[in-house]
Amino acid sequence: MHVIVGLGNPGAEYKGTRHNIGFEVIDALAKFLHVDLMSRDSDYLIGTTSYKETTIALVKPLTYMNNSGLVVHKVIERYSIGSRNLFVIVDDFHLPFGTIRIREKGSDGGHNGLFSIIEQLRTTEFPRLRCGIANKAIPINATEMKEFVLSPFEKENRKALRRLIKQARDAALIVATNGLKTAMNRFNGLAL
């Protein structure tokens, strides 16, 4: 089994924001795979399916970004999987908008959701996909950065955003069915 987790914040006020791109990729996967996401313990939404002889679980934590690790820990224990069968999708303000980067392990890179997961799992060794959300006017201080990641994408970026979400969706499916290395070779460095 492969568990694909998209990070974001629940609630209408966060819908469509840069920080919620992980949720949007999970929604795209659910639509593509014809999976209904159901509430589990009010902490997360989950849907499971079989795709190309692989069981895939799609997960959206509802504990807010900074507590995402609580759900991830709960899910991998529930399904008795190791962290290598986990695949986490997040936003990344260090990457140019439209870029994705797949890694097999690494630090949190300043991302609070990844920090929470690392803290709960006590390891940095789990695969992740970072979706670039940076633009030319990336803020420097913490207050402006928070405002930036919690703001919606500009209208002129919506078409590119749809391509980014589709690319991340396809990458996640390749990871689950063909392996991490295949996905890294195919998608890392690819521009929209």
Protein backbone atom coordinates (compact mmCIF):
# COMPACT_ATOMS: atom_id res chain seq x y z
CA MET A 1 0.00 0.00 0.00
CA HIS A 2 1.06 3.56 -0.76
CA VAL A 3 -0.30 6.44 1.30
CA ILE A 4 -0.31 9.80 -0.49
CA VAL A 5 -0.84 12.76 1.84
CA GLY A 6 -1.50 16.27 0.64
CA LEU A 7 -0.95 19.01 3.20
CA GLY A 8 -3.16 22.04 3.64
CA ASN A 9 -5.55 23.80 5.97
CA PRO A 10 -9.27 22.98 6.24
CA GLY A 11 -11.93 25.65 5.85
CA ALA A 12 -13.29 27.90 3.12
CA GLU A 13 -10.93 30.75 4.02
CA TYR A 14 -7.92 28.64 2.97
CA LYS A 15 -9.37 27.16 -0.21
CA GLY A 16 -7.30 28.09 -3.26
CA THR A 17 -4.36 29.46 -1.26
CA ARG A 18 -0.74 28.65 -2.04
CA HIS A 19 -0.37 26.71 1.22
CA ASN A 20 -3.21 24.37 0.17
CA ILE A 21 -1.74 23.06 -3.05
CA GLY A 22 -1.25 19.66 -1.38
CA PHE A 23 -5.02 19.45 -0.85
CA GLU A 24 -5.60 20.41 -4.48
CA VAL A 25 -3.33 17.63 -5.73
CA ILE A 26 -5.18 15.10 -3.54
CA ASP A 27 -8.49 16.37 -4.94
CA ALA A 28 -7.12 15.94 -8.48
CA LEU A 29 -5.98 12.39 -7.65
CA ALA A 30 -9.38 11.57 -6.13
CA LYS A 31 -11.16 12.83 -9.24
CA PHE A 32 -8.83 10.96 -11.60
CA LEU A 33 -9.09 7.71 -9.61
CA HIS A 34 -12.85 8.10 -8.92
CA VAL A 35 -12.29 7.98 -5.16
CA ASP A 36 -14.58 9.53 -2.56
CA LEU A 37 -12.72 11.06 0.37
CA MET A 38 -14.51 10.19 3.61
CA SER A 39 -14.07 11.62 7.10
CA ARG A 40 -12.10 9.48 9.56
CA ASP A 41 -12.06 10.36 13.27
CA SER A 42 -12.78 13.99 12.23
CA ASP A 43 -8.98 14.36 11.93
CA TYR A 44 -8.65 13.59 8.24
CA LEU A 45 -10.30 12.67 4.96
CA ILE A 46 -9.27 9.41 3.32
CA GLY A 47 -10.14 7.36 0.27
CA THR A 48 -8.61 4.10 -0.92
CA THR A 49 -8.54 2.43 -4.30
CA SER A 50 -6.56 0.05 -6.45
CA TYR A 51 -4.67 1.47 -9.42
CA LYS A 52 -2.47 -0.65 -11.68
CA GLU A 53 -2.43 -3.44 -9.09
CA THR A 54 -1.34 -1.04 -6.33
CA THR A 55 -3.46 -0.07 -3.33
CA ILE A 56 -3.41 3.67 -2.86
CA ALA A 57 -4.78 5.68 0.06
CA LEU A 58 -5.32 9.42 -0.43
CA VAL A 59 -5.25 11.51 2.74
CA LYS A 60 -6.04 15.14 3.61
CA PRO A 61 -5.24 15.99 7.26
CA LEU A 62 -7.81 18.29 8.87
CA THR A 63 -5.65 19.21 11.88
CA TYR A 64 -4.20 22.31 10.15
CA MET A 65 -0.76 22.48 8.61
CA ASN A 66 1.25 22.76 11.83
CA ASN A 67 -0.25 19.53 13.22
CA SER A 68 -0.17 17.43 10.03
CA GLY A 69 2.23 14.98 11.62
CA LEU A 70 -0.41 13.80 14.10
CA VAL A 71 -2.55 12.49 11.23
CA VAL A 72 0.36 11.07 9.24
CA HIS A 73 1.55 9.13 12.29
CA LYS A 74 -1.98 7.84 12.93
CA VAL A 75 -2.47 6.75 9.30
CA ILE A 76 0.82 4.88 8.90
CA GLU A 77 0.18 3.06 12.17
CA ARG A 78 -3.40 2.24 11.14
CA TYR A 79 -2.23 0.70 7.86
CA SER A 80 1.03 -0.72 9.25
CA ILE A 81 3.21 0.82 6.57
CA GLY A 82 6.75 2.14 6.82
CA SER A 83 7.68 5.73 6.08
CA ARG A 84 9.03 4.64 2.67
CA ASN A 85 5.45 3.88 1.54
CA LEU A 86 4.40 7.38 2.49
CA PHE A 87 4.40 10.18 -0.08
CA VAL A 88 3.80 13.74 1.13
CA ILE A 89 2.80 16.62 -1.16
CA VAL A 90 3.48 20.19 -0.01
CA ASP A 91 3.96 23.73 -1.24
CA ASP A 92 7.47 25.20 -1.36
CA PHE A 93 8.20 28.94 -1.48
CA HIS A 94 11.86 28.23 -2.30
CA LEU A 95 10.95 26.72 -5.68
CA PRO A 96 9.84 28.81 -8.65
CA PHE A 97 6.12 28.66 -9.37
CA GLY A 98 5.28 25.70 -11.59
CA THR A 99 8.27 23.57 -10.60
CA ILE A 100 7.99 20.28 -8.75
CA ARG A 101 10.77 18.49 -6.95
CA ILE A 102 10.63 14.91 -5.68
CA ARG A 103 12.98 13.81 -2.91
CA GLU A 104 13.33 10.52 -1.06
CA LYS A 105 14.20 12.25 2.22
CA GLY A 106 15.34 15.57 3.63
CA SER A 107 14.83 18.35 6.13
CA ASP A 108 11.64 20.34 6.60
CA GLY A 109 13.14 23.24 4.61
CA GLY A 110 11.23 25.71 6.76
CA HIS A 111 7.85 24.06 6.07
CA ASN A 112 5.80 23.67 9.25
CA GLY A 113 3.80 20.73 7.92
CA LEU A 114 6.96 18.77 7.12
CA PHE A 115 8.40 19.78 10.49
CA SER A 116 5.34 18.30 12.21
CA ILE A 117 5.64 15.04 10.27
CA ILE A 118 9.36 14.73 11.00
CA GLU A 119 8.70 15.41 14.67
CA GLN A 120 5.95 12.77 14.89
CA LEU A 121 7.69 10.08 12.81
CA ARG A 122 11.13 10.87 14.27
CA THR A 123 12.69 10.55 10.84
CA THR A 124 13.41 12.68 7.79
CA GLU A 125 13.42 9.57 5.61
CA PHE A 126 10.11 9.69 3.81
CA PRO A 127 9.50 10.66 0.18
CA ARG A 128 7.96 14.01 -0.60
CA LEU A 129 6.96 16.17 -3.54
CA ARG A 130 7.38 19.92 -3.27
CA CYS A 131 5.28 22.17 -5.51
CA GLY A 132 6.93 25.50 -6.27
CA ILE A 133 4.78 28.50 -5.35
CA ALA A 134 7.41 31.31 -5.43
CA ASN A 135 6.99 34.37 -7.57
CA LYS A 136 9.27 37.33 -8.25
CA ALA A 137 8.06 39.24 -5.17
CA ILE A 138 8.75 36.55 -2.57
CA PRO A 139 8.65 38.16 0.91
CA ILE A 140 11.56 37.96 3.32
CA ASN A 141 10.18 38.46 6.83
CA ALA A 142 7.98 35.90 8.63
CA THR A 143 4.80 38.00 8.76
CA GLU A 144 4.86 38.75 5.04
CA MET A 145 5.73 35.11 4.28
CA LYS A 146 2.69 33.90 6.23
CA GLU A 147 0.48 36.33 4.31
CA PHE A 148 2.03 35.17 1.03
CA VAL A 149 1.48 31.44 1.55
CA LEU A 150 -2.06 32.02 2.82
CA SER A 151 -2.99 34.16 -0.18
CA PRO A 152 -4.64 32.85 -3.36
CA PHE A 153 -2.85 32.45 -6.66
CA GLU A 154 -3.22 35.40 -9.04
CA LYS A 155 -5.79 35.02 -11.83
CA GLU A 156 -3.09 35.13 -14.49
CA ASN A 157 -1.46 32.05 -12.89
CA ARG A 158 -4.58 29.84 -12.82
CA LYS A 159 -3.81 28.06 -16.12
CA ALA A 160 -0.23 27.32 -15.03
CA LEU A 161 -1.57 26.21 -11.64
CA ARG A 162 -3.82 23.62 -13.30
CA ARG A 163 -0.79 22.28 -15.20
CA LEU A 164 1.24 22.18 -11.97
CA ILE A 165 -1.49 20.23 -10.16
CA LYS A 166 -1.79 17.77 -13.05
CA GLN A 167 1.98 17.30 -13.14
CA ALA A 168 2.08 16.66 -9.37
CA ARG A 169 -0.88 14.26 -9.68
CA ASP A 170 0.88 12.29 -12.42
CA ALA A 171 4.14 12.23 -10.46
CA ALA A 172 2.38 10.82 -7.38
CA LEU A 173 0.83 8.04 -9.47
CA ILE A 174 4.23 7.17 -10.97
CA VAL A 175 5.74 6.99 -7.48
CA ALA A 176 2.99 4.61 -6.35
CA THR A 177 3.13 2.34 -9.42
CA ASN A 178 6.65 2.59 -10.86
CA GLY A 179 8.74 3.78 -7.95
CA LEU A 180 10.38 6.91 -6.66
CA LYS A 181 13.46 6.83 -8.90
CA THR A 182 11.35 6.59 -12.06
CA ALA A 183 9.27 9.58 -10.95
CA MET A 184 12.37 11.58 -10.00
CA ASN A 185 13.99 10.93 -13.39
CA ARG A 186 10.83 11.90 -15.22
CA PHE A 187 9.65 14.97 -13.27
CA ASN A 188 12.56 16.64 -11.44
CA GLY A 189 13.77 19.66 -13.38
CA LEU A 190 10.75 19.64 -15.67
CA ALA A 191 9.36 23.13 -16.23
CA LEU A 192 5.78 23.93 -17.17
